[in-house]
Amino acid sequence: MTHATAITFGQLPAVRIAAPDGAQATVTLYGAHLVSWTGADGAERLFLSAQSALDGSKAIRGGVPVIFPQFAEQGAGMRHGFARVSTWELAGSGLDGDAAWAEFALAPGMLAAPIRQAWPHDFALLLRVAVCANELAMTLTVRNAGGAPFPFCAALHTYYLVPDVCAVRIEGISSDEISIIDKLDKVYPHVTGRATLATGERNLLLEQDGFLDAVVWNPGALDTAALPDMADDDYQRFVCIEPALLEPLALAPGQAWTGSYRVS
């Protein structure tokens, strides 16, 4: 059995990762973007907007965008960085015990010229995605391959599919339980690394390491209506809980940073 298969998702080259127990993930090479994750039970866990462009013309709305090297507008570069709009390559795949995995790589020579000129650091990014049973594991590694330090931020902007956002309860990120009544866009610095998301259908355990912060986001009705790549009622069907490194980290030459995220 092949554990990583080349497919087309929309108009984008992608890789389908399949574990022996039936768990699957689909990652587009554009952005190394996880666009689908189904557990061995066959249930989809991620939200993807039906109105999202899937042709490489703009960032994909939903799934798990990789945020690097800047978060939002906190820097001089493009919003949320260039990783999510650059084309990565499949670097390897296989089976580790019962878990199927694939790794995706991005290096400076793969960037569009304007991006390379705007961010001229020598780096290597590696994203590992693994699935097994009803678990997803993602690991992002940033390596400084140059001769000078560079600062960066990073996040895995995870869109969780929920039956009704008003029924969502999140524990472990702040001292209080988080529920969503309307628009919510909040940064939680220095989190413990373990949280639970109760969707009303299932409980998910979220574990992060290396990522020091968390962000919880739902655009609410008004902002969703203004987004061209979302249906007006889409805000009811997801919540974003993202592991993040929001304070720029200066990475020394030859050094690497790793952030991991496990959902079960």
C-alpha atoms as a PDB file:
ATOM      1  CA  MET A   1       0.000   0.000   0.000  1.00  0.00           C
ATOM      2  CA  THR A   2       1.235   3.490  -0.871  1.00  0.00           C
ATOM      3  CA  HIS A   3       1.001   5.761   2.139  1.00  0.00           C
ATOM      4  CA  ALA A   4       1.407   9.000   0.156  1.00  0.00           C
ATOM      5  CA  THR A   5      -0.248   9.358  -3.240  1.00  0.00           C
ATOM      6  CA  ALA A   6       0.019  12.255  -5.712  1.00  0.00           C
ATOM      7  CA  ILE A   7      -3.464  13.631  -6.474  1.00  0.00           C
ATOM      8  CA  THR A   8      -5.076  16.846  -7.690  1.00  0.00           C
ATOM      9  CA  PHE A   9      -7.131  18.891  -5.227  1.00  0.00           C
ATOM     10  CA  GLY A  10      -9.176  21.518  -7.045  1.00  0.00           C
ATOM     11  CA  GLN A  11      -6.571  22.591  -9.600  1.00  0.00           C
ATOM     12  CA  LEU A  12      -3.642  22.072  -7.241  1.00  0.00           C
ATOM     13  CA  PRO A  13      -1.105  19.228  -7.072  1.00  0.00           C
ATOM     14  CA  ALA A  14      -1.531  17.547  -3.691  1.00  0.00           C
ATOM     15  CA  VAL A  15      -0.549  14.505  -1.656  1.00  0.00           C
ATOM     16  CA  ARG A  16      -3.008  12.180   0.041  1.00  0.00           C
ATOM     17  CA  ILE A  17      -1.564  10.556   3.175  1.00  0.00           C
ATOM     18  CA  ALA A  18      -3.348   7.334   4.150  1.00  0.00           C
ATOM     19  CA  ALA A  19      -2.782   5.230   7.266  1.00  0.00           C
ATOM     20  CA  PRO A  20      -3.576   1.486   7.278  1.00  0.00           C
ATOM     21  CA  ASP A  21      -6.492   2.078   9.679  1.00  0.00           C
ATOM     22  CA  GLY A  22      -8.238   4.474   7.271  1.00  0.00           C
ATOM     23  CA  ALA A  23      -7.101   7.841   8.683  1.00  0.00           C
ATOM     24  CA  GLN A  24      -6.311  10.271   5.863  1.00  0.00           C
ATOM     25  CA  ALA A  25      -4.925  13.742   5.251  1.00  0.00           C
ATOM     26  CA  THR A  26      -4.672  15.779   2.063  1.00  0.00           C
ATOM     27  CA  VAL A  27      -1.923  18.400   1.685  1.00  0.00           C
ATOM     28  CA  THR A  28      -1.585  20.702  -1.334  1.00  0.00           C
ATOM     29  CA  LEU A  29       1.962  21.502  -2.464  1.00  0.00           C
ATOM     30  CA  TYR A  30       0.779  25.103  -2.731  1.00  0.00           C
ATOM     31  CA  GLY A  31       1.416  26.321   0.803  1.00  0.00           C
ATOM     32  CA  ALA A  32       2.021  22.792   2.169  1.00  0.00           C
ATOM     33  CA  HIS A  33      -1.587  23.371   3.126  1.00  0.00           C
ATOM     34  CA  LEU A  34      -3.476  20.658   5.002  1.00  0.00           C
ATOM     35  CA  VAL A  35      -6.930  20.902   3.415  1.00  0.00           C
ATOM     36  CA  SER A  36      -8.554  17.735   4.805  1.00  0.00           C
ATOM     37  CA  TRP A  37      -8.086  15.448   7.783  1.00  0.00           C
ATOM     38  CA  THR A  38     -10.387  12.516   8.387  1.00  0.00           C
ATOM     39  CA  GLY A  39      -9.902  10.119  11.260  1.00  0.00           C
ATOM     40  CA  ALA A  40     -10.182   6.357  11.005  1.00  0.00           C
ATOM     41  CA  ASP A  41     -13.881   6.912  11.780  1.00  0.00           C
ATOM     42  CA  GLY A  42     -14.240   8.708   8.433  1.00  0.00           C
ATOM     43  CA  ALA A  43     -15.275  12.040   9.965  1.00  0.00           C
ATOM     44  CA  GLU A  44     -13.809  15.275   8.589  1.00  0.00           C
ATOM     45  CA  ARG A  45     -12.273  17.478  11.314  1.00  0.00           C
ATOM     46  CA  LEU A  46     -11.271  20.555   9.295  1.00  0.00           C
ATOM     47  CA  PHE A  47     -13.311  23.363   7.780  1.00  0.00           C
ATOM     48  CA  LEU A  48     -12.583  24.387   4.179  1.00  0.00           C
ATOM     49  CA  SER A  49     -14.574  27.148   2.517  1.00  0.00           C
ATOM     50  CA  ALA A  50     -16.442  25.982  -0.578  1.00  0.00           C
ATOM     51  CA  GLN A  51     -15.724  29.438  -2.042  1.00  0.00           C
ATOM     52  CA  SER A  52     -11.954  29.268  -1.559  1.00  0.00           C
ATOM     53  CA  ALA A  53      -9.761  29.540  -4.639  1.00  0.00           C
ATOM     54  CA  LEU A  54      -7.985  26.230  -5.280  1.00  0.00           C
ATOM     55  CA  ASP A  55      -5.889  27.363  -8.243  1.00  0.00           C
ATOM     56  CA  GLY A  56      -2.860  28.973  -6.570  1.00  0.00           C
ATOM     57  CA  SER A  57      -4.076  32.522  -7.231  1.00  0.00           C
ATOM     58  CA  LYS A  58      -4.513  33.320  -3.534  1.00  0.00           C
ATOM     59  CA  ALA A  59      -4.183  31.716  -0.110  1.00  0.00           C
ATOM     60  CA  ILE A  60      -6.585  28.855   0.634  1.00  0.00           C
ATOM     61  CA  ARG A  61      -9.369  29.671   3.113  1.00  0.00           C
ATOM     62  CA  GLY A  62      -9.628  26.927   5.724  1.00  0.00           C
ATOM     63  CA  GLY A  63      -7.661  23.816   6.600  1.00  0.00           C
ATOM     64  CA  VAL A  64      -4.275  24.614   8.151  1.00  0.00           C
ATOM     65  CA  PRO A  65      -2.355  27.509   6.553  1.00  0.00           C
ATOM     66  CA  VAL A  66       1.335  27.636   7.514  1.00  0.00           C
ATOM     67  CA  ILE A  67       2.152  31.115   8.834  1.00  0.00           C
ATOM     68  CA  PHE A  68       5.823  32.123   8.297  1.00  0.00           C
ATOM     69  CA  PRO A  69       7.882  34.343   8.674  1.00  0.00           C
ATOM     70  CA  GLN A  70       5.446  36.921  10.033  1.00  0.00           C
ATOM     71  CA  PHE A  71       2.080  36.821  11.769  1.00  0.00           C
ATOM     72  CA  ALA A  72      -0.739  39.009  10.409  1.00  0.00           C
ATOM     73  CA  GLU A  73       0.578  42.539   9.798  1.00  0.00           C
ATOM     74  CA  GLN A  74       3.271  42.329  12.494  1.00  0.00           C
ATOM     75  CA  GLY A  75       6.145  43.067  10.113  1.00  0.00           C
ATOM     76  CA  ALA A  76       7.044  44.712   6.812  1.00  0.00           C
ATOM     77  CA  GLY A  77       6.315  41.643   4.660  1.00  0.00           C
ATOM     78  CA  MET A  78       3.076  40.200   3.291  1.00  0.00           C
ATOM     79  CA  ARG A  79       0.257  39.446   5.706  1.00  0.00           C
ATOM     80  CA  HIS A  80       0.839  36.081   7.416  1.00  0.00           C
ATOM     81  CA  GLY A  81       4.057  35.598   5.439  1.00  0.00           C
ATOM     82  CA  PHE A  82       4.886  33.841   2.192  1.00  0.00           C
ATOM     83  CA  ALA A  83       4.891  30.163   3.208  1.00  0.00           C
ATOM     84  CA  ARG A  84       1.159  29.726   2.614  1.00  0.00           C
ATOM     85  CA  VAL A  85       1.356  31.125  -0.947  1.00  0.00           C
ATOM     86  CA  SER A  86       4.591  29.418  -2.048  1.00  0.00           C
ATOM     87  CA  THR A  87       4.871  26.022  -3.726  1.00  0.00           C
ATOM     88  CA  TRP A  88       6.612  23.421  -1.567  1.00  0.00           C
ATOM     89  CA  GLU A  89       7.924  20.004  -2.582  1.00  0.00           C
ATOM     90  CA  LEU A  90       7.328  16.541  -1.185  1.00  0.00           C
ATOM     91  CA  ALA A  91      10.518  15.635   0.693  1.00  0.00           C
ATOM     92  CA  GLY A  92       9.619  12.134   1.893  1.00  0.00           C
ATOM     93  CA  SER A  93       6.873   9.852   3.155  1.00  0.00           C
ATOM     94  CA  GLY A  94       6.412   6.551   4.919  1.00  0.00           C
ATOM     95  CA  LEU A  95       4.926   4.609   7.773  1.00  0.00           C
ATOM     96  CA  ASP A  96       6.034   5.042  11.391  1.00  0.00           C
ATOM     97  CA  GLY A  97       4.345   2.278  13.353  1.00  0.00           C
ATOM     98  CA  ASP A  98       0.667   2.693  12.500  1.00  0.00           C
ATOM     99  CA  ALA A  99       1.021   6.346  11.455  1.00  0.00           C
ATOM    100  CA  ALA A 100       1.368   7.418   7.820  1.00  0.00           C
ATOM    101  CA  TRP A 101       3.429  10.569   7.297  1.00  0.00           C
ATOM    102  CA  ALA A 102       4.711  12.908   4.621  1.00  0.00           C
ATOM    103  CA  GLU A 103       7.209  15.767   4.785  1.00  0.00           C
ATOM    104  CA  PHE A 104       7.137  18.948   2.735  1.00  0.00           C
ATOM    105  CA  ALA A 105      10.075  21.299   2.189  1.00  0.00           C
ATOM    106  CA  LEU A 106      10.470  24.935   1.206  1.00  0.00           C
ATOM    107  CA  ALA A 107      13.801  26.656   0.458  1.00  0.00           C
ATOM    108  CA  PRO A 108      14.782  30.113  -0.892  1.00  0.00           C
ATOM    109  CA  GLY A 109      15.351  28.875  -4.450  1.00  0.00           C
ATOM    110  CA  MET A 110      11.668  27.873  -4.615  1.00  0.00           C
ATOM    111  CA  LEU A 111      10.351  31.368  -3.852  1.00  0.00           C
ATOM    112  CA  ALA A 112       9.048  33.861  -6.387  1.00  0.00           C
ATOM    113  CA  ALA A 113      11.672  36.506  -7.125  1.00  0.00           C
ATOM    114  CA  PRO A 114       9.840  39.440  -5.445  1.00  0.00           C
ATOM    115  CA  ILE A 115       9.431  37.410  -2.241  1.00  0.00           C
ATOM    116  CA  ARG A 116      13.086  36.377  -2.301  1.00  0.00           C
ATOM    117  CA  GLN A 117      14.159  40.003  -2.703  1.00  0.00           C
ATOM    118  CA  ALA A 118      11.895  41.151   0.128  1.00  0.00           C
ATOM    119  CA  TRP A 119      13.088  38.410   2.539  1.00  0.00           C
ATOM    120  CA  PRO A 120      16.655  37.515   1.483  1.00  0.00           C
ATOM    121  CA  HIS A 121      17.521  35.118   4.322  1.00  0.00           C
ATOM    122  CA  ASP A 122      18.777  31.592   3.767  1.00  0.00           C
ATOM    123  CA  PHE A 123      16.343  29.232   5.441  1.00  0.00           C
ATOM    124  CA  ALA A 124      14.923  25.734   5.187  1.00  0.00           C
ATOM    125  CA  LEU A 125      11.352  24.896   6.195  1.00  0.00           C
ATOM    126  CA  LEU A 126      10.142  21.359   6.772  1.00  0.00           C
ATOM    127  CA  LEU A 127       6.546  20.451   7.596  1.00  0.00           C
ATOM    128  CA  ARG A 128       5.744  16.898   8.691  1.00  0.00           C
ATOM    129  CA  VAL A 129       2.123  15.727   8.692  1.00  0.00           C
ATOM    130  CA  ALA A 130       1.216  12.353  10.223  1.00  0.00           C
ATOM    131  CA  VAL A 131      -2.144  10.630  10.751  1.00  0.00           C
ATOM    132  CA  CYS A 132      -3.222   7.529  12.628  1.00  0.00           C
ATOM    133  CA  ALA A 133      -6.538   6.441  14.210  1.00  0.00           C
ATOM    134  CA  ASN A 134      -8.196   9.742  15.192  1.00  0.00           C
ATOM    135  CA  GLU A 135      -4.929  11.660  15.668  1.00  0.00           C
ATOM    136  CA  LEU A 136      -3.170  14.328  13.626  1.00  0.00           C
ATOM    137  CA  ALA A 137       0.443  15.368  14.276  1.00  0.00           C
ATOM    138  CA  MET A 138       2.090  18.342  12.574  1.00  0.00           C
ATOM    139  CA  THR A 139       5.689  19.434  13.061  1.00  0.00           C
ATOM    140  CA  LEU A 140       7.171  22.617  11.594  1.00  0.00           C
ATOM    141  CA  THR A 141      10.968  22.982  11.570  1.00  0.00           C
ATOM    142  CA  VAL A 142      12.705  26.250  10.680  1.00  0.00           C
ATOM    143  CA  ARG A 143      16.444  26.099   9.995  1.00  0.00           C
ATOM    144  CA  ASN A 144      18.823  29.024   9.473  1.00  0.00           C
ATOM    145  CA  ALA A 145      21.028  27.939   6.564  1.00  0.00           C
ATOM    146  CA  GLY A 146      22.764  31.294   6.222  1.00  0.00           C
ATOM    147  CA  GLY A 147      25.569  33.202   7.931  1.00  0.00           C
ATOM    148  CA  ALA A 148      23.497  35.814   9.784  1.00  0.00           C
ATOM    149  CA  PRO A 149      20.658  35.521  12.304  1.00  0.00           C
ATOM    150  CA  PHE A 150      17.101  36.208  11.174  1.00  0.00           C
ATOM    151  CA  PRO A 151      13.903  36.809  13.179  1.00  0.00           C
ATOM    152  CA  PHE A 152      10.653  34.993  12.425  1.00  0.00           C
ATOM    153  CA  CYS A 153       7.185  34.218  13.719  1.00  0.00           C
ATOM    154  CA  ALA A 154       5.204  31.077  12.944  1.00  0.00           C
ATOM    155  CA  ALA A 155       1.739  29.560  13.408  1.00  0.00           C
ATOM    156  CA  LEU A 156      -0.453  26.712  12.206  1.00  0.00           C
ATOM    157  CA  HIS A 157      -3.743  28.518  11.550  1.00  0.00           C
ATOM    158  CA  THR A 158      -6.057  25.535  12.144  1.00  0.00           C
ATOM    159  CA  TYR A 159      -9.731  25.800  11.099  1.00  0.00           C
ATOM    160  CA  TYR A 160     -11.751  23.229  13.064  1.00  0.00           C
ATOM    161  CA  LEU A 161     -15.067  22.128  11.598  1.00  0.00           C
ATOM    162  CA  VAL A 162     -17.869  22.447  14.167  1.00  0.00           C
ATOM    163  CA  PRO A 163     -21.645  21.839  13.925  1.00  0.00           C
ATOM    164  CA  ASP A 164     -22.466  25.165  15.626  1.00  0.00           C
ATOM    165  CA  VAL A 165     -19.874  27.683  16.776  1.00  0.00           C
ATOM    166  CA  CYS A 166     -22.175  28.873  19.568  1.00  0.00           C
ATOM    167  CA  ALA A 167     -21.955  25.412  21.165  1.00  0.00           C
ATOM    168  CA  VAL A 168     -18.139  25.394  21.163  1.00  0.00           C
ATOM    169  CA  ARG A 169     -16.281  25.365  24.475  1.00  0.00           C
ATOM    170  CA  ILE A 170     -12.489  25.717  24.733  1.00  0.00           C
ATOM    171  CA  GLU A 171     -10.615  24.964  27.940  1.00  0.00           C
ATOM    172  CA  GLY A 172      -6.943  25.194  28.864  1.00  0.00           C
ATOM    173  CA  ILE A 173      -5.922  28.194  26.765  1.00  0.00           C
ATOM    174  CA  SER A 174      -6.982  30.830  29.277  1.00  0.00           C
ATOM    175  CA  SER A 175      -7.929  30.600  32.943  1.00  0.00           C
ATOM    176  CA  ASP A 176     -11.594  30.816  31.901  1.00  0.00           C
ATOM    177  CA  GLU A 177     -13.531  28.633  29.507  1.00  0.00           C
ATOM    178  CA  ILE A 178     -13.747  30.285  26.076  1.00  0.00           C
ATOM    179  CA  SER A 179     -17.073  30.375  24.244  1.00  0.00           C
ATOM    180  CA  ILE A 180     -17.928  32.285  21.084  1.00  0.00           C
ATOM    181  CA  ILE A 181     -20.948  34.578  21.014  1.00  0.00           C
ATOM    182  CA  ASP A 182     -19.849  36.890  18.213  1.00  0.00           C
ATOM    183  CA  LYS A 183     -16.599  37.915  16.544  1.00  0.00           C
ATOM    184  CA  LEU A 184     -13.545  36.760  18.515  1.00  0.00           C
ATOM    185  CA  ASP A 185      -9.927  37.463  17.612  1.00  0.00           C
ATOM    186  CA  LYS A 186      -7.715  37.059  20.629  1.00  0.00           C
ATOM    187  CA  VAL A 187      -4.079  36.249  21.328  1.00  0.00           C
ATOM    188  CA  TYR A 188      -3.275  34.167  24.394  1.00  0.00           C
ATOM    189  CA  PRO A 189       0.448  34.477  25.214  1.00  0.00           C
ATOM    190  CA  HIS A 190       2.455  31.844  27.096  1.00  0.00           C
ATOM    191  CA  VAL A 191      -0.118  29.045  27.103  1.00  0.00           C
ATOM    192  CA  THR A 192       0.378  25.764  28.947  1.00  0.00           C
ATOM    193  CA  GLY A 193       0.486  23.714  25.753  1.00  0.00           C
ATOM    194  CA  ARG A 194      -2.652  21.604  26.386  1.00  0.00           C
ATOM    195  CA  ALA A 195      -6.229  22.558  25.606  1.00  0.00           C
ATOM    196  CA  THR A 196      -9.525  20.878  24.830  1.00  0.00           C
ATOM    197  CA  LEU A 197     -12.056  21.795  22.185  1.00  0.00           C
ATOM    198  CA  ALA A 198     -15.596  20.566  22.815  1.00  0.00           C
ATOM    199  CA  THR A 199     -17.547  20.932  19.559  1.00  0.00           C
ATOM    200  CA  GLY A 200     -20.845  19.459  20.679  1.00  0.00           C
ATOM    201  CA  GLU A 201     -20.114  16.329  18.619  1.00  0.00           C
ATOM    202  CA  ARG A 202     -16.701  15.355  19.984  1.00  0.00           C
ATOM    203  CA  ASN A 203     -13.940  16.513  22.274  1.00  0.00           C
ATOM    204  CA  LEU A 204     -10.497  17.176  20.818  1.00  0.00           C
ATOM    205  CA  LEU A 205      -7.298  17.329  22.845  1.00  0.00           C
ATOM    206  CA  LEU A 206      -4.899  19.943  21.449  1.00  0.00           C
ATOM    207  CA  GLU A 207      -1.229  19.711  22.444  1.00  0.00           C
ATOM    208  CA  GLN A 208       1.487  22.119  21.323  1.00  0.00           C
ATOM    209  CA  ASP A 209       5.219  22.294  21.958  1.00  0.00           C
ATOM    210  CA  GLY A 210       7.666  24.948  20.759  1.00  0.00           C
ATOM    211  CA  PHE A 211       4.745  27.203  19.914  1.00  0.00           C
ATOM    212  CA  LEU A 212       4.489  29.387  23.035  1.00  0.00           C
ATOM    213  CA  ASP A 213       1.204  31.163  22.301  1.00  0.00           C
ATOM    214  CA  ALA A 214      -2.275  30.474  20.976  1.00  0.00           C
ATOM    215  CA  VAL A 215      -4.756  32.465  18.908  1.00  0.00           C
ATOM    216  CA  VAL A 216      -8.522  31.895  18.851  1.00  0.00           C
ATOM    217  CA  TRP A 217     -10.436  33.414  15.944  1.00  0.00           C
ATOM    218  CA  ASN A 218     -13.914  33.497  14.512  1.00  0.00           C
ATOM    219  CA  PRO A 219     -14.873  36.432  12.254  1.00  0.00           C
ATOM    220  CA  GLY A 220     -18.527  36.623  13.309  1.00  0.00           C
ATOM    221  CA  ALA A 221     -21.397  37.435  10.966  1.00  0.00           C
ATOM    222  CA  LEU A 222     -20.391  40.951   9.902  1.00  0.00           C
ATOM    223  CA  ASP A 223     -16.754  40.239   8.990  1.00  0.00           C
ATOM    224  CA  THR A 224     -17.645  36.948   7.284  1.00  0.00           C
ATOM    225  CA  ALA A 225     -20.087  38.746   5.002  1.00  0.00           C
ATOM    226  CA  ALA A 226     -17.221  41.019   3.901  1.00  0.00           C
ATOM    227  CA  LEU A 227     -14.925  38.081   3.005  1.00  0.00           C
ATOM    228  CA  PRO A 228     -15.197  37.157  -0.694  1.00  0.00           C
ATOM    229  CA  ASP A 229     -13.979  33.592  -0.134  1.00  0.00           C
ATOM    230  CA  MET A 230     -16.605  32.650   2.453  1.00  0.00           C
ATOM    231  CA  ALA A 231     -20.352  32.137   2.436  1.00  0.00           C
ATOM    232  CA  ASP A 232     -22.192  34.531   4.752  1.00  0.00           C
ATOM    233  CA  ASP A 233     -23.067  31.786   7.245  1.00  0.00           C
ATOM    234  CA  ASP A 234     -19.681  30.018   7.211  1.00  0.00           C
ATOM    235  CA  TYR A 235     -18.673  31.586  10.545  1.00  0.00           C
ATOM    236  CA  GLN A 236     -21.175  29.246  12.220  1.00  0.00           C
ATOM    237  CA  ARG A 237     -19.240  26.182  11.037  1.00  0.00           C
ATOM    238  CA  PHE A 238     -15.694  26.711  12.302  1.00  0.00           C
ATOM    239  CA  VAL A 239     -13.402  28.006  14.977  1.00  0.00           C
ATOM    240  CA  CYS A 240      -9.705  28.697  14.495  1.00  0.00           C
ATOM    241  CA  ILE A 241      -7.418  27.642  17.327  1.00  0.00           C
ATOM    242  CA  GLU A 242      -3.833  28.054  16.289  1.00  0.00           C
ATOM    243  CA  PRO A 243      -0.554  27.235  17.992  1.00  0.00           C
ATOM    244  CA  ALA A 244       1.672  30.246  17.449  1.00  0.00           C
ATOM    245  CA  LEU A 245       5.073  31.777  18.059  1.00  0.00           C
ATOM    246  CA  LEU A 246       4.147  35.454  18.069  1.00  0.00           C
ATOM    247  CA  GLU A 247       7.197  37.146  19.573  1.00  0.00           C
ATOM    248  CA  PRO A 248       9.808  37.184  16.785  1.00  0.00           C
ATOM    249  CA  LEU A 249      12.506  34.627  17.524  1.00  0.00           C
ATOM    250  CA  ALA A 250      16.045  35.388  16.341  1.00  0.00           C
ATOM    251  CA  LEU A 251      17.466  32.183  14.874  1.00  0.00           C
ATOM    252  CA  ALA A 252      21.274  31.989  14.828  1.00  0.00           C
ATOM    253  CA  PRO A 253      23.191  30.635  11.816  1.00  0.00           C
ATOM    254  CA  GLY A 254      23.054  26.840  11.710  1.00  0.00           C
ATOM    255  CA  GLN A 255      20.357  26.673  14.370  1.00  0.00           C
ATOM    256  CA  ALA A 256      16.872  25.174  14.036  1.00  0.00           C
ATOM    257  CA  TRP A 257      13.543  25.700  15.801  1.00  0.00           C
ATOM    258  CA  THR A 258      10.758  23.133  15.919  1.00  0.00           C
ATOM    259  CA  GLY A 259       7.101  23.607  16.769  1.00  0.00           C
ATOM    260  CA  SER A 260       4.792  20.621  17.098  1.00  0.00           C
ATOM    261  CA  TYR A 261       1.008  20.284  17.275  1.00  0.00           C
ATOM    262  CA  ARG A 262      -0.943  17.138  18.057  1.00  0.00           C
ATOM    263  CA  VAL A 263      -4.723  16.798  17.885  1.00  0.00           C
ATOM    264  CA  SER A 264      -6.491  13.698  19.158  1.00  0.00           C
END
